[in-house]
N, C-alpha and C. Protein backbone atom coordinates (compact mmCIF):
# COMPACT_ATOMS: atom_id res chain seq x y z
N MET A 1 -14.20 10.81 -18.14
CA MET A 1 -14.66 11.80 -17.42
C MET A 1 -13.26 12.49 -17.32
N SER A 2 -13.83 13.63 -17.79
CA SER A 2 -12.10 14.82 -17.70
C SER A 2 -11.93 15.21 -16.40
N ARG A 3 -10.30 14.99 -16.15
CA ARG A 3 -10.46 15.38 -14.73
C ARG A 3 -8.84 16.48 -14.96
N ASN A 4 -8.85 17.33 -13.55
CA ASN A 4 -8.11 18.07 -13.73
C ASN A 4 -6.40 17.30 -13.09
N ILE A 5 -5.73 17.32 -13.44
CA ILE A 5 -4.49 16.34 -12.94
C ILE A 5 -3.82 17.84 -12.69
N VAL A 6 -3.17 17.85 -10.77
CA VAL A 6 -1.80 18.84 -10.39
C VAL A 6 -0.68 17.86 -10.13
N LEU A 7 -0.08 17.82 -10.81
CA LEU A 7 1.41 16.93 -10.99
C LEU A 7 2.31 17.87 -9.67
N VAL A 8 2.96 17.06 -9.28
CA VAL A 8 3.85 17.47 -7.48
C VAL A 8 5.15 17.15 -8.26
N HIS A 9 6.53 17.97 -8.49
CA HIS A 9 7.77 17.48 -8.29
C HIS A 9 8.48 17.20 -7.23
N GLY A 10 9.19 16.17 -7.13
CA GLY A 10 10.34 16.24 -6.08
C GLY A 10 11.09 17.37 -5.94
N ALA A 11 12.31 16.67 -4.63
CA ALA A 11 13.56 17.25 -4.37
C ALA A 11 14.23 17.21 -5.84
N TRP A 12 15.14 18.31 -5.96
CA TRP A 12 16.42 18.10 -6.93
C TRP A 12 15.77 17.93 -8.38
N ALA A 13 14.52 18.21 -8.49
CA ALA A 13 13.71 18.26 -9.63
C ALA A 13 12.81 19.44 -9.97
N ASP A 14 12.35 19.36 -11.21
CA ASP A 14 11.00 20.80 -11.57
C ASP A 14 10.13 19.98 -12.18
N GLY A 15 9.26 20.83 -12.35
CA GLY A 15 7.67 20.72 -13.32
C GLY A 15 8.43 19.41 -14.04
N SER A 16 9.43 19.73 -15.08
CA SER A 16 9.96 19.53 -16.63
C SER A 16 10.30 17.53 -16.21
N SER A 17 10.01 17.48 -14.67
CA SER A 17 10.51 16.24 -14.77
C SER A 17 9.19 15.37 -14.91
N TRP A 18 8.48 15.80 -15.13
CA TRP A 18 6.64 15.08 -15.74
C TRP A 18 6.30 15.19 -17.07
N SER A 19 8.12 15.36 -17.79
CA SER A 19 7.87 15.65 -19.15
C SER A 19 7.10 14.43 -19.95
N LYS A 20 7.79 12.96 -19.92
CA LYS A 20 7.16 11.95 -20.25
C LYS A 20 5.53 11.31 -19.69
N VAL A 21 4.99 11.73 -19.33
CA VAL A 21 4.08 11.40 -18.54
C VAL A 21 2.91 12.82 -18.84
N ILE A 22 3.03 14.02 -18.88
CA ILE A 22 2.11 15.09 -19.36
C ILE A 22 1.10 14.55 -20.19
N PRO A 23 2.40 14.02 -21.36
CA PRO A 23 1.43 14.11 -23.23
C PRO A 23 0.35 12.90 -23.38
N LEU A 24 0.63 11.95 -22.43
CA LEU A 24 -0.22 10.73 -22.44
C LEU A 24 -1.59 11.16 -21.47
N LEU A 25 -1.42 11.80 -20.41
CA LEU A 25 -2.46 12.30 -19.30
C LEU A 25 -3.23 13.45 -20.44
N GLN A 26 -2.61 14.45 -21.26
CA GLN A 26 -3.31 14.94 -22.29
C GLN A 26 -3.89 14.42 -23.39
N ALA A 27 -3.29 13.26 -23.69
CA ALA A 27 -3.83 12.56 -25.02
C ALA A 27 -5.42 11.80 -24.21
N ALA A 28 -5.23 11.81 -23.10
CA ALA A 28 -6.81 10.71 -22.50
C ALA A 28 -7.62 11.85 -22.47
N GLY A 29 -7.32 13.41 -22.32
CA GLY A 29 -8.39 14.45 -22.21
C GLY A 29 -8.00 15.08 -21.56
N HIS A 30 -7.09 14.76 -20.58
CA HIS A 30 -7.14 15.45 -18.89
C HIS A 30 -6.48 17.07 -18.99
N ASN A 31 -7.33 17.75 -18.39
CA ASN A 31 -6.63 18.99 -17.79
C ASN A 31 -5.17 19.16 -17.04
N VAL A 32 -4.18 19.28 -17.13
CA VAL A 32 -2.90 18.95 -16.57
C VAL A 32 -1.71 20.40 -16.45
N VAL A 33 -1.78 20.27 -15.19
CA VAL A 33 -0.77 21.26 -14.88
C VAL A 33 0.69 20.83 -14.41
N ALA A 34 1.64 20.97 -14.14
CA ALA A 34 3.02 20.65 -13.18
C ALA A 34 3.22 21.72 -12.27
N VAL A 35 3.12 21.85 -11.10
CA VAL A 35 3.82 23.37 -10.50
C VAL A 35 5.64 23.14 -10.28
N GLN A 36 5.48 24.65 -9.81
CA GLN A 36 6.93 25.01 -10.26
C GLN A 36 6.81 25.24 -8.70
N ASN A 37 7.79 24.73 -7.49
CA ASN A 37 8.03 24.87 -6.32
C ASN A 37 9.35 25.30 -5.59
N GLN A 38 9.61 26.19 -5.12
CA GLN A 38 10.78 26.38 -4.50
C GLN A 38 11.75 25.97 -3.85
N MET A 39 11.10 24.89 -2.90
CA MET A 39 11.73 24.03 -1.97
C MET A 39 12.64 24.81 -0.85
N GLN A 40 12.37 25.53 -0.63
CA GLN A 40 12.74 26.22 0.62
C GLN A 40 11.90 26.11 2.33
N SER A 41 10.07 26.08 2.00
CA SER A 41 10.08 24.96 3.42
C SER A 41 8.65 24.38 2.36
N LEU A 42 8.23 23.52 3.48
CA LEU A 42 6.82 22.60 2.91
C LEU A 42 6.07 23.74 3.54
N ASP A 43 5.76 24.79 4.38
CA ASP A 43 4.67 25.60 4.42
C ASP A 43 4.46 26.08 3.17
N GLY A 44 5.68 26.82 2.36
CA GLY A 44 5.95 27.76 1.26
C GLY A 44 5.44 27.01 0.17
N ASP A 45 6.11 25.63 0.08
CA ASP A 45 5.46 24.81 -1.54
C ASP A 45 3.96 24.23 -1.45
N SER A 46 3.68 23.92 -0.17
CA SER A 46 2.17 23.59 0.06
C SER A 46 1.69 24.86 -0.37
N ALA A 47 1.59 26.15 0.24
CA ALA A 47 0.77 27.66 -0.02
C ALA A 47 0.94 27.27 -1.74
N ASN A 48 1.93 27.28 -2.43
CA ASN A 48 1.99 27.52 -3.39
C ASN A 48 1.34 26.32 -4.39
N THR A 49 1.31 25.07 -3.44
CA THR A 49 0.63 23.87 -5.05
C THR A 49 -0.89 24.00 -4.34
N ARG A 50 -1.20 24.21 -3.21
CA ARG A 50 -2.69 24.56 -2.63
C ARG A 50 -3.25 25.77 -3.52
N ALA A 51 -2.38 26.72 -3.92
CA ALA A 51 -3.63 28.10 -4.86
C ALA A 51 -3.15 27.63 -5.99
N THR A 52 -2.19 26.43 -6.56
CA THR A 52 -3.10 25.75 -8.01
C THR A 52 -4.45 24.83 -7.93
N ILE A 53 -4.37 24.57 -6.85
CA ILE A 53 -5.27 22.85 -6.49
C ILE A 53 -6.82 23.90 -6.38
N ASP A 54 -6.48 25.23 -5.37
CA ASP A 54 -7.69 25.79 -5.51
C ASP A 54 -8.01 26.84 -6.81
N ALA A 55 -7.10 26.79 -7.86
CA ALA A 55 -7.77 27.40 -9.27
C ALA A 55 -8.62 26.34 -9.91
N MET A 56 -8.30 25.00 -9.95
CA MET A 56 -8.71 24.17 -10.22
C MET A 56 -10.89 24.19 -10.14
N SER A 57 -11.11 23.75 -11.22
CA SER A 57 -13.03 23.85 -11.37
C SER A 57 -12.77 22.65 -11.79
N GLY A 58 -14.16 21.73 -10.67
CA GLY A 58 -14.11 20.50 -10.99
C GLY A 58 -13.57 19.71 -10.30
N PRO A 59 -13.93 17.99 -10.54
CA PRO A 59 -13.29 17.17 -10.28
C PRO A 59 -11.10 17.43 -9.89
N THR A 60 -10.51 17.18 -9.18
CA THR A 60 -8.57 17.17 -9.34
C THR A 60 -8.42 15.99 -8.79
N ILE A 61 -7.29 15.37 -9.61
CA ILE A 61 -6.55 14.58 -8.75
C ILE A 61 -4.83 15.10 -8.68
N VAL A 62 -4.06 14.91 -7.47
CA VAL A 62 -2.89 15.36 -7.27
C VAL A 62 -2.16 14.28 -7.18
N VAL A 63 -1.08 14.48 -7.88
CA VAL A 63 0.27 13.89 -8.11
C VAL A 63 1.62 14.31 -7.44
N GLY A 64 2.06 13.74 -6.66
CA GLY A 64 3.00 14.09 -5.87
C GLY A 64 4.45 12.68 -6.22
N HIS A 65 5.69 13.54 -6.58
CA HIS A 65 6.60 12.58 -6.77
C HIS A 65 7.88 12.86 -5.42
N SER A 66 8.08 11.82 -5.11
CA SER A 66 9.06 12.22 -3.77
C SER A 66 9.01 12.79 -3.07
N TYR A 67 9.42 14.03 -2.62
CA TYR A 67 9.20 15.51 -1.61
C TYR A 67 8.15 16.13 -2.15
N GLY A 68 7.44 15.93 -3.11
CA GLY A 68 6.51 16.15 -3.94
C GLY A 68 4.93 15.29 -3.37
N GLY A 69 5.24 14.48 -2.57
CA GLY A 69 4.66 13.55 -1.86
C GLY A 69 3.67 14.45 -0.58
N ALA A 70 4.59 14.98 0.25
CA ALA A 70 4.81 15.42 1.67
C ALA A 70 3.78 16.78 0.88
N VAL A 71 4.40 17.62 0.30
CA VAL A 71 3.54 18.67 -0.69
C VAL A 71 2.21 18.59 -0.57
N MET A 72 1.93 17.84 -1.28
CA MET A 72 0.71 17.31 -1.85
C MET A 72 -0.44 17.02 -0.92
N THR A 73 0.79 16.14 0.05
CA THR A 73 -0.12 15.31 1.19
C THR A 73 -0.64 16.70 2.23
N SER A 74 0.04 17.70 2.35
CA SER A 74 0.10 18.80 3.10
C SER A 74 -1.33 20.03 2.48
N ALA A 75 -0.91 20.11 1.27
CA ALA A 75 -1.53 21.00 -0.08
C ALA A 75 -3.15 20.62 -0.04
N ALA A 76 -3.31 19.34 0.24
CA ALA A 76 -5.08 18.31 -0.26
C ALA A 76 -5.49 18.40 0.94
N ALA A 77 -5.00 18.82 1.54
CA ALA A 77 -5.81 18.83 3.15
C ALA A 77 -6.88 19.77 2.88
N GLY A 78 -8.19 19.21 3.01
CA GLY A 78 -9.39 20.27 3.43
C GLY A 78 -9.62 20.49 2.19
N ALA A 79 -8.80 20.14 0.52
CA ALA A 79 -9.29 21.09 -0.31
C ALA A 79 -10.65 20.06 -1.50
N SER A 80 -11.84 20.97 -1.78
CA SER A 80 -13.08 20.19 -1.63
C SER A 80 -12.45 19.58 -2.86
N ASN A 81 -12.23 19.96 -4.41
CA ASN A 81 -12.28 19.70 -5.33
C ASN A 81 -11.10 18.56 -5.63
N VAL A 82 -10.57 17.83 -4.45
CA VAL A 82 -9.36 16.89 -4.88
C VAL A 82 -10.40 15.35 -4.64
N ALA A 83 -10.31 14.60 -5.32
CA ALA A 83 -10.52 13.18 -5.58
C ALA A 83 -9.96 11.89 -4.99
N GLY A 84 -8.76 12.64 -5.23
CA GLY A 84 -7.62 11.26 -5.32
C GLY A 84 -6.09 11.86 -5.11
N LEU A 85 -5.66 11.07 -4.33
CA LEU A 85 -4.13 11.39 -4.24
C LEU A 85 -3.43 9.98 -5.24
N VAL A 86 -2.05 10.63 -5.57
CA VAL A 86 -1.39 9.63 -6.48
C VAL A 86 0.09 9.92 -5.88
N TYR A 87 0.76 8.81 -5.21
CA TYR A 87 1.90 8.94 -4.45
C TYR A 87 3.14 7.93 -5.68
N ILE A 88 3.89 8.85 -6.28
CA ILE A 88 5.11 7.62 -6.85
C ILE A 88 6.53 8.43 -6.31
N ALA A 89 6.81 6.74 -5.93
CA ALA A 89 8.00 7.13 -4.84
C ALA A 89 8.55 8.05 -4.13
N ALA A 90 7.18 8.25 -3.29
CA ALA A 90 7.07 9.70 -2.34
C ALA A 90 6.51 9.77 -1.35
N TYR A 91 7.03 10.47 -0.22
CA TYR A 91 6.37 10.56 1.04
C TYR A 91 5.20 10.90 0.92
N ALA A 92 4.84 10.12 2.13
CA ALA A 92 3.10 10.59 2.91
C ALA A 92 3.50 10.73 4.15
N PRO A 93 3.93 11.86 4.46
CA PRO A 93 4.00 11.80 6.24
C PRO A 93 2.14 11.63 7.08
N ASP A 94 2.51 11.42 8.02
CA ASP A 94 1.52 11.36 9.28
C ASP A 94 1.48 13.08 9.78
N GLU A 95 0.61 13.55 10.61
CA GLU A 95 0.84 14.96 11.23
C GLU A 95 2.06 14.95 12.62
N GLY A 96 2.79 15.85 12.21
CA GLY A 96 3.85 16.03 13.23
C GLY A 96 5.13 15.18 12.57
N GLU A 97 4.99 13.98 11.39
CA GLU A 97 6.30 13.44 11.63
C GLU A 97 7.19 14.62 10.27
N THR A 98 8.60 14.16 9.96
CA THR A 98 9.49 15.17 9.59
C THR A 98 9.96 14.17 8.27
N LEU A 99 10.84 14.63 6.90
CA LEU A 99 11.14 13.64 6.37
C LEU A 99 12.30 12.98 6.96
N GLY A 100 12.88 14.10 7.91
CA GLY A 100 14.10 13.60 8.39
C GLY A 100 14.21 12.32 9.15
N GLY A 101 13.14 12.36 10.10
CA GLY A 101 12.84 11.45 11.01
C GLY A 101 12.25 10.27 10.18
N LEU A 102 11.50 10.12 9.01
CA LEU A 102 11.09 8.99 8.52
C LEU A 102 12.14 8.25 7.58
N GLY A 103 13.08 9.23 7.58
CA GLY A 103 14.40 9.06 6.93
C GLY A 103 14.87 7.28 8.05
N THR A 104 15.03 7.26 9.33
CA THR A 104 15.39 6.93 10.26
C THR A 104 14.44 5.07 10.50
N LYS A 105 13.61 5.24 9.60
CA LYS A 105 12.79 3.98 10.13
C LYS A 105 13.06 2.99 9.33
N PHE A 106 14.24 2.84 8.24
CA PHE A 106 14.98 1.99 7.99
C PHE A 106 16.31 2.26 7.56
N ALA A 107 16.98 1.59 6.75
CA ALA A 107 18.36 1.90 6.36
C ALA A 107 18.34 2.42 5.55
N ALA A 108 19.45 3.91 5.33
CA ALA A 108 19.55 4.38 4.34
C ALA A 108 19.74 4.56 2.86
N PRO A 109 18.97 4.53 1.94
CA PRO A 109 19.64 4.53 0.76
C PRO A 109 20.84 4.91 0.21
N SER A 110 21.72 4.17 -0.60
CA SER A 110 23.01 4.70 -1.08
C SER A 110 23.27 5.93 -1.43
N GLY A 111 21.63 6.11 -2.39
CA GLY A 111 21.88 7.52 -3.01
C GLY A 111 22.16 8.95 -2.10
N LEU A 112 21.77 8.72 -0.85
CA LEU A 112 21.65 9.81 -0.28
C LEU A 112 23.11 10.04 0.00
N GLN A 113 24.15 9.36 -0.24
CA GLN A 113 25.70 9.78 0.56
C GLN A 113 26.19 11.21 -0.49
N TYR A 114 25.32 11.29 -1.60
CA TYR A 114 25.93 12.28 -2.99
C TYR A 114 25.16 12.88 -2.50
N ILE A 115 24.86 13.57 -1.49
CA ILE A 115 24.02 15.11 -1.16
C ILE A 115 24.82 15.55 -0.07
N ALA A 116 25.30 17.10 -0.92
CA ALA A 116 25.67 18.01 -0.14
C ALA A 116 25.42 19.67 -0.89
N PRO A 117 26.12 19.84 0.74
CA PRO A 117 25.62 21.77 0.00
C PRO A 117 26.36 21.98 -0.78
N GLY A 118 26.12 23.12 -1.70
CA GLY A 118 26.77 23.70 -3.07
C GLY A 118 26.52 25.22 -2.70
N PRO A 119 26.19 25.88 -3.60
CA PRO A 119 26.63 27.49 -3.64
C PRO A 119 25.04 28.30 -3.16
N GLY A 120 25.35 28.61 -2.11
CA GLY A 120 23.85 28.97 -1.30
C GLY A 120 24.11 28.11 -0.52
N GLY A 121 24.49 27.42 -0.18
CA GLY A 121 24.37 26.58 1.19
C GLY A 121 23.11 25.62 1.14
N LEU A 122 22.46 25.62 -0.19
CA LEU A 122 21.49 24.76 -0.64
C LEU A 122 22.65 23.32 -0.39
N LEU A 123 21.29 22.73 -1.17
CA LEU A 123 21.68 20.64 -0.92
C LEU A 123 21.58 20.39 -2.06
N TYR A 124 22.79 19.84 -2.66
CA TYR A 124 22.70 19.44 -4.19
C TYR A 124 23.06 18.01 -4.11
N ILE A 125 22.88 17.20 -5.24
CA ILE A 125 22.92 16.03 -5.11
C ILE A 125 24.21 15.83 -6.40
N ASP A 126 25.32 15.57 -5.94
CA ASP A 126 26.63 15.90 -6.68
C ASP A 126 26.58 15.11 -8.60
N ARG A 127 26.30 16.20 -9.06
CA ARG A 127 25.57 15.87 -10.91
C ARG A 127 26.85 14.34 -11.34
N ALA A 128 27.85 14.46 -10.55
CA ALA A 128 28.52 13.05 -11.43
C ALA A 128 27.89 11.93 -11.18
N HIS A 129 27.51 12.15 -9.81
CA HIS A 129 26.52 10.70 -9.47
C HIS A 129 25.20 10.53 -9.24
N MET A 130 24.42 11.99 -9.90
CA MET A 130 23.06 11.78 -9.88
C MET A 130 22.44 10.56 -10.62
N PRO A 131 23.10 10.58 -12.00
CA PRO A 131 22.14 9.95 -13.12
C PRO A 131 22.05 8.42 -12.39
N GLN A 132 23.24 8.25 -11.90
CA GLN A 132 23.14 6.38 -10.87
C GLN A 132 22.19 6.58 -10.08
N ALA A 133 22.34 7.46 -8.75
CA ALA A 133 21.87 7.65 -7.68
C ALA A 133 20.52 8.06 -7.77
N PHE A 134 20.28 8.46 -9.33
CA PHE A 134 18.35 9.27 -8.62
C PHE A 134 17.57 8.27 -9.88
N ALA A 135 18.27 8.05 -11.13
CA ALA A 135 17.66 7.56 -12.07
C ALA A 135 18.48 6.42 -12.64
N ALA A 136 18.70 5.07 -12.46
CA ALA A 136 19.68 4.09 -12.76
C ALA A 136 19.11 3.64 -14.41
N ASP A 137 18.02 3.57 -13.98
CA ASP A 137 17.16 2.56 -15.24
C ASP A 137 16.77 3.46 -16.44
N ALA A 138 16.64 4.93 -16.31
CA ALA A 138 16.31 5.77 -17.06
C ALA A 138 17.55 6.17 -18.41
N SER A 139 17.39 6.37 -19.67
CA SER A 139 18.23 6.68 -20.60
C SER A 139 19.42 7.16 -19.76
N PRO A 140 21.15 6.92 -20.44
CA PRO A 140 21.51 8.18 -20.10
C PRO A 140 21.77 9.25 -20.48
N GLY A 141 20.94 9.87 -21.40
CA GLY A 141 20.74 11.26 -21.88
C GLY A 141 19.52 11.60 -21.03
N ASP A 142 18.57 10.96 -20.49
CA ASP A 142 17.65 11.35 -19.52
C ASP A 142 18.58 11.58 -18.19
N GLY A 143 19.16 10.76 -17.91
CA GLY A 143 19.87 11.00 -16.60
C GLY A 143 20.98 12.45 -16.32
N ALA A 144 21.37 12.31 -17.67
CA ALA A 144 22.11 13.65 -17.69
C ALA A 144 21.46 15.12 -17.74
N ILE A 145 20.42 15.19 -18.32
CA ILE A 145 19.63 16.05 -18.10
C ILE A 145 18.86 16.24 -16.71
N LEU A 146 18.42 15.05 -16.00
CA LEU A 146 18.01 15.43 -14.64
C LEU A 146 19.40 16.01 -13.56
N ALA A 147 20.74 15.61 -14.41
CA ALA A 147 21.70 16.15 -13.38
C ALA A 147 21.74 17.88 -13.60
N ALA A 148 21.81 18.05 -14.74
CA ALA A 148 21.86 19.54 -15.30
C ALA A 148 21.06 19.98 -14.82
N THR A 149 19.55 19.63 -15.07
CA THR A 149 18.42 20.85 -14.78
C THR A 149 18.06 20.70 -12.78
N GLN A 150 18.57 19.87 -12.19
CA GLN A 150 18.18 19.72 -10.69
C GLN A 150 18.71 21.10 -9.91
N ARG A 151 17.79 21.07 -9.36
CA ARG A 151 17.04 22.17 -8.22
C ARG A 151 17.43 21.60 -7.14
N PRO A 152 18.18 22.74 -6.83
CA PRO A 152 18.93 22.61 -4.86
C PRO A 152 17.44 22.43 -4.12
N ILE A 153 17.75 22.26 -2.67
CA ILE A 153 16.79 22.62 -1.83
C ILE A 153 17.60 23.20 -0.18
N SER A 154 16.14 23.53 0.40
CA SER A 154 17.15 23.80 1.59
C SER A 154 17.08 22.45 2.51
N GLY A 155 17.67 22.22 3.29
CA GLY A 155 17.95 21.51 4.43
C GLY A 155 16.76 21.70 5.61
N ALA A 156 15.99 22.84 5.25
CA ALA A 156 14.48 23.26 6.33
C ALA A 156 14.07 21.79 5.57
N LEU A 157 13.69 21.10 4.82
CA LEU A 157 12.46 20.74 4.24
C LEU A 157 13.09 19.00 5.31
N PHE A 158 13.56 18.76 6.03
CA PHE A 158 14.25 17.79 6.48
C PHE A 158 13.70 17.79 8.09
N THR A 159 13.20 18.84 8.18
CA THR A 159 13.04 18.89 9.61
C THR A 159 11.40 19.81 10.04
N ASP A 160 10.44 20.14 8.35
CA ASP A 160 9.49 20.92 8.77
C ASP A 160 8.56 19.80 8.81
N LYS A 161 7.84 20.33 9.77
CA LYS A 161 6.82 19.28 10.16
C LYS A 161 5.38 19.03 9.44
N MET A 162 4.88 17.97 9.29
CA MET A 162 3.58 17.86 8.31
C MET A 162 2.55 18.13 9.23
N GLY A 163 1.60 19.02 8.58
CA GLY A 163 0.16 19.24 9.47
C GLY A 163 -0.86 17.93 9.34
N THR A 164 -1.85 18.29 9.44
CA THR A 164 -3.49 17.81 8.80
C THR A 164 -3.01 16.95 7.40
N PRO A 165 -2.86 15.28 7.66
CA PRO A 165 -2.54 14.83 6.26
C PRO A 165 -3.17 14.20 5.20
N ALA A 166 -3.46 14.77 4.00
CA ALA A 166 -4.51 14.55 3.14
C ALA A 166 -5.10 12.93 3.05
N TRP A 167 -3.51 12.33 3.10
CA TRP A 167 -4.32 10.65 2.76
C TRP A 167 -5.17 9.98 3.93
N LYS A 168 -5.71 11.03 5.07
CA LYS A 168 -6.45 10.41 6.02
C LYS A 168 -7.75 10.53 5.83
N GLN A 169 -8.31 11.60 4.41
CA GLN A 169 -9.30 11.66 4.15
C GLN A 169 -10.07 11.46 2.65
N LEU A 170 -8.60 11.00 2.05
CA LEU A 170 -8.93 10.75 0.46
C LEU A 170 -8.64 9.54 -0.10
N LYS A 171 -8.80 9.19 -0.85
CA LYS A 171 -8.47 7.61 -1.70
C LYS A 171 -7.33 8.15 -2.05
N SER A 172 -6.19 7.07 -2.28
CA SER A 172 -5.10 7.25 -2.70
C SER A 172 -4.77 6.12 -3.53
N TRP A 173 -3.56 6.39 -3.80
CA TRP A 173 -2.92 5.27 -5.22
C TRP A 173 -1.34 5.31 -4.64
N TYR A 174 -0.60 4.31 -4.93
CA TYR A 174 0.89 4.51 -4.60
C TYR A 174 1.85 3.76 -5.46
N GLN A 175 2.54 4.08 -6.03
CA GLN A 175 4.09 3.35 -6.84
C GLN A 175 5.49 3.14 -6.20
N VAL A 176 5.46 2.13 -6.10
CA VAL A 176 6.95 2.20 -5.02
C VAL A 176 7.76 1.53 -6.48
N SER A 177 8.79 2.07 -5.89
CA SER A 177 10.07 1.71 -6.83
C SER A 177 10.80 0.72 -6.36
N SER A 178 11.04 -0.59 -6.77
CA SER A 178 11.53 -1.31 -5.99
C SER A 178 12.96 -1.03 -5.62
N ASN A 179 13.82 0.11 -7.25
CA ASN A 179 14.90 -0.31 -6.58
C ASN A 179 15.43 1.19 -6.46
N ASP A 180 14.99 1.91 -5.78
CA ASP A 180 15.05 3.49 -4.90
C ASP A 180 16.33 3.43 -4.50
N LEU A 181 17.03 4.49 -4.65
CA LEU A 181 18.55 4.57 -4.21
C LEU A 181 18.72 5.47 -3.14
N MET A 182 17.04 6.57 -3.44
CA MET A 182 16.61 7.77 -2.76
C MET A 182 16.08 7.57 -1.87
N ILE A 183 15.02 7.32 -1.88
CA ILE A 183 13.41 6.77 -0.59
C ILE A 183 13.76 5.14 0.18
N SER A 184 14.24 4.80 0.77
CA SER A 184 13.94 3.37 0.73
C SER A 184 12.72 2.36 0.41
N PRO A 185 12.80 1.38 -0.63
CA PRO A 185 11.47 0.87 -0.66
C PRO A 185 10.74 0.67 0.09
N ASP A 186 11.01 0.10 1.30
CA ASP A 186 10.95 -0.60 2.46
C ASP A 186 9.93 1.11 3.26
N LEU A 187 10.21 1.92 3.45
CA LEU A 187 9.54 2.94 3.47
C LEU A 187 8.73 3.52 2.50
N GLN A 188 8.52 3.32 1.34
CA GLN A 188 7.34 3.40 0.86
C GLN A 188 6.65 2.70 0.75
N ARG A 189 6.79 1.35 1.28
CA ARG A 189 5.67 0.35 1.55
C ARG A 189 5.37 0.66 2.33
N PHE A 190 5.79 0.96 3.66
CA PHE A 190 5.40 1.41 4.93
C PHE A 190 4.19 2.97 4.28
N PHE A 191 4.56 3.52 4.01
CA PHE A 191 3.60 5.11 3.74
C PHE A 191 2.46 4.24 2.88
N ALA A 192 2.55 3.06 1.97
CA ALA A 192 1.54 2.82 1.02
C ALA A 192 0.36 2.16 1.92
N ALA A 193 0.92 1.15 2.46
CA ALA A 193 0.32 0.62 3.54
C ALA A 193 -0.65 1.01 4.52
N ARG A 194 0.14 2.10 4.94
CA ARG A 194 -0.13 3.14 6.36
C ARG A 194 -1.52 4.40 5.85
N ALA A 195 -1.36 4.03 4.43
CA ALA A 195 -2.19 5.16 3.95
C ALA A 195 -3.65 4.78 2.99
N GLY A 196 -3.23 3.09 3.31
CA GLY A 196 -4.27 2.20 2.62
C GLY A 196 -4.93 2.20 1.34
N SER A 197 -3.52 2.91 0.55
CA SER A 197 -3.03 3.29 -0.86
C SER A 197 -3.36 1.95 -1.68
N LYS A 198 -4.24 1.85 -2.84
CA LYS A 198 -4.37 0.84 -4.04
C LYS A 198 -2.52 0.75 -4.77
N THR A 199 -1.65 -0.32 -4.50
CA THR A 199 -0.24 0.24 -4.79
C THR A 199 -0.16 -0.96 -5.93
N ILE A 200 1.36 -0.51 -6.87
CA ILE A 200 1.59 -1.34 -7.57
C ILE A 200 3.74 -1.09 -7.50
N SER A 201 4.04 -1.79 -7.27
CA SER A 201 5.69 -1.66 -7.79
C SER A 201 5.94 -2.06 -9.15
N LEU A 202 7.26 -1.17 -8.75
CA LEU A 202 8.00 -1.25 -10.34
C LEU A 202 9.61 -1.43 -10.18
N PRO A 203 9.88 -2.16 -11.00
CA PRO A 203 11.39 -2.54 -10.76
C PRO A 203 12.25 -1.70 -11.41
N SER A 204 12.38 -0.09 -10.47
CA SER A 204 12.45 1.60 -10.99
C SER A 204 13.77 2.09 -10.27
N SER A 205 13.95 3.06 -10.67
CA SER A 205 15.08 3.68 -9.98
C SER A 205 14.01 4.89 -9.19
N HIS A 206 14.41 5.56 -8.74
CA HIS A 206 13.42 7.19 -8.06
C HIS A 206 12.99 7.59 -8.68
N ALA A 207 13.14 7.56 -10.43
CA ALA A 207 12.77 8.85 -10.77
C ALA A 207 11.71 7.66 -12.32
N SER A 208 11.13 7.23 -11.68
CA SER A 208 10.51 6.07 -12.01
C SER A 208 9.24 7.42 -13.19
N LEU A 209 9.25 8.36 -12.81
CA LEU A 209 7.89 9.18 -14.01
C LEU A 209 8.89 9.29 -14.97
N VAL A 210 10.41 9.14 -15.05
CA VAL A 210 10.93 9.16 -16.61
C VAL A 210 11.72 7.68 -17.37
N ALA A 211 11.84 6.78 -16.16
CA ALA A 211 12.04 5.71 -17.01
C ALA A 211 10.97 5.11 -17.06
N HIS A 212 9.98 5.23 -16.63
CA HIS A 212 8.50 4.24 -16.75
C HIS A 212 7.27 4.88 -16.73
N PRO A 213 7.14 6.16 -18.07
CA PRO A 213 6.11 6.84 -18.01
C PRO A 213 5.04 6.28 -18.29
N LYS A 214 4.67 5.01 -18.52
CA LYS A 214 3.71 4.58 -19.66
C LYS A 214 3.02 3.93 -18.00
N GLU A 215 3.78 3.25 -17.25
CA GLU A 215 3.24 2.60 -16.34
C GLU A 215 2.64 3.95 -15.16
N VAL A 216 3.66 4.87 -14.91
CA VAL A 216 3.08 6.04 -14.02
C VAL A 216 1.88 6.10 -14.68
N ALA A 217 1.86 6.77 -15.71
CA ALA A 217 0.24 7.15 -16.85
C ALA A 217 -0.87 6.51 -15.94
N ALA A 218 -0.71 5.31 -16.46
CA ALA A 218 -1.94 4.40 -16.40
C ALA A 218 -2.25 4.37 -14.49
N LEU A 219 -1.07 4.40 -14.02
CA LEU A 219 -1.67 4.42 -12.66
C LEU A 219 -2.47 5.76 -11.85
N ILE A 220 -1.92 7.14 -12.60
CA ILE A 220 -3.12 8.54 -12.49
C ILE A 220 -4.02 7.93 -13.14
N LEU A 221 -4.11 7.60 -14.16
CA LEU A 221 -5.71 7.60 -15.30
C LEU A 221 -6.32 6.36 -14.53
N GLU A 222 -6.02 5.62 -13.62
CA GLU A 222 -6.70 4.83 -12.81
C GLU A 222 -7.40 5.57 -11.74
N ALA A 223 -6.36 6.73 -11.46
CA ALA A 223 -6.77 7.90 -10.42
C ALA A 223 -8.10 8.55 -10.54
N CYS A 224 -8.05 8.96 -12.06
CA CYS A 224 -8.80 9.64 -12.61
C CYS A 224 -10.15 8.84 -12.58
N ALA A 225 -9.81 7.56 -13.04
CA ALA A 225 -11.21 6.68 -13.26
C ALA A 225 -11.98 6.92 -12.01
N GLY A 226 -11.24 6.72 -10.69
CA GLY A 226 -12.30 7.18 -9.74
C GLY A 226 -11.49 5.37 -8.72
C-alpha cells in the first residue's frame, strides 16, 4: 500500500541529505517529501513540518534524522494521519527535555568539539573536520558535499523545550548509528528503549542516511508496511 513519507533533516544539513534514500522510497511506490527547515527554533521547525504533514492525504510515515527527530517528535503529536515514526540516529525527547540537557546523560562524542560560532553568530561544524566528524564512513566526495552545503543552526535549538512527544502515541522504529561522533550511540539506544521502538543498529557514522541508504530505506519501508 502506498504511503506518504515526510523526511525531516537534521542540524547542519538540509533536505538534500536524503538524496540517496528518496529514490529507493519512490521506487517502492511511495509519495516522498523532504522538508526544508530554518533551524532557528524548535517551535518554528515543528510548525513548518506539521504544515507539510497536514498537507498529506492518507496515512503518513514521518522520518527524522538527528535534530530532525526532535522536530518530528513535536510536529507529529496529535496528527491524525501519521501512522508511524522512524528515527535515524535521532533525538527523541520527552516533554520538557532539551537537546542540551539530554547531551549530558552520556559522555560527549568527539565530533562536538568542532562546533563553533560562524557568520551571523550561528553555529557551524568546522568544514575541514565535518567529513570525519559527521560522515566518516561516507565516500570522500559525499563528505565534502555535506561540508560544503551544511546549514548552520541557532544555539536556541539546544535549550528549546519539547512539548507533547509523538512517540508516546505512535508506533516507532529507530536506527542506531554505533560509530556516531555527533550523538552518543548510548543516548540513541536510550531513546529507542524508552520509546519502545523497533530497533536496528548499523556500524555507521552520524550520516547513516548518506553512508547506508539501502538499510535506512529498508527500515522506512518496514514502517510503511506497518
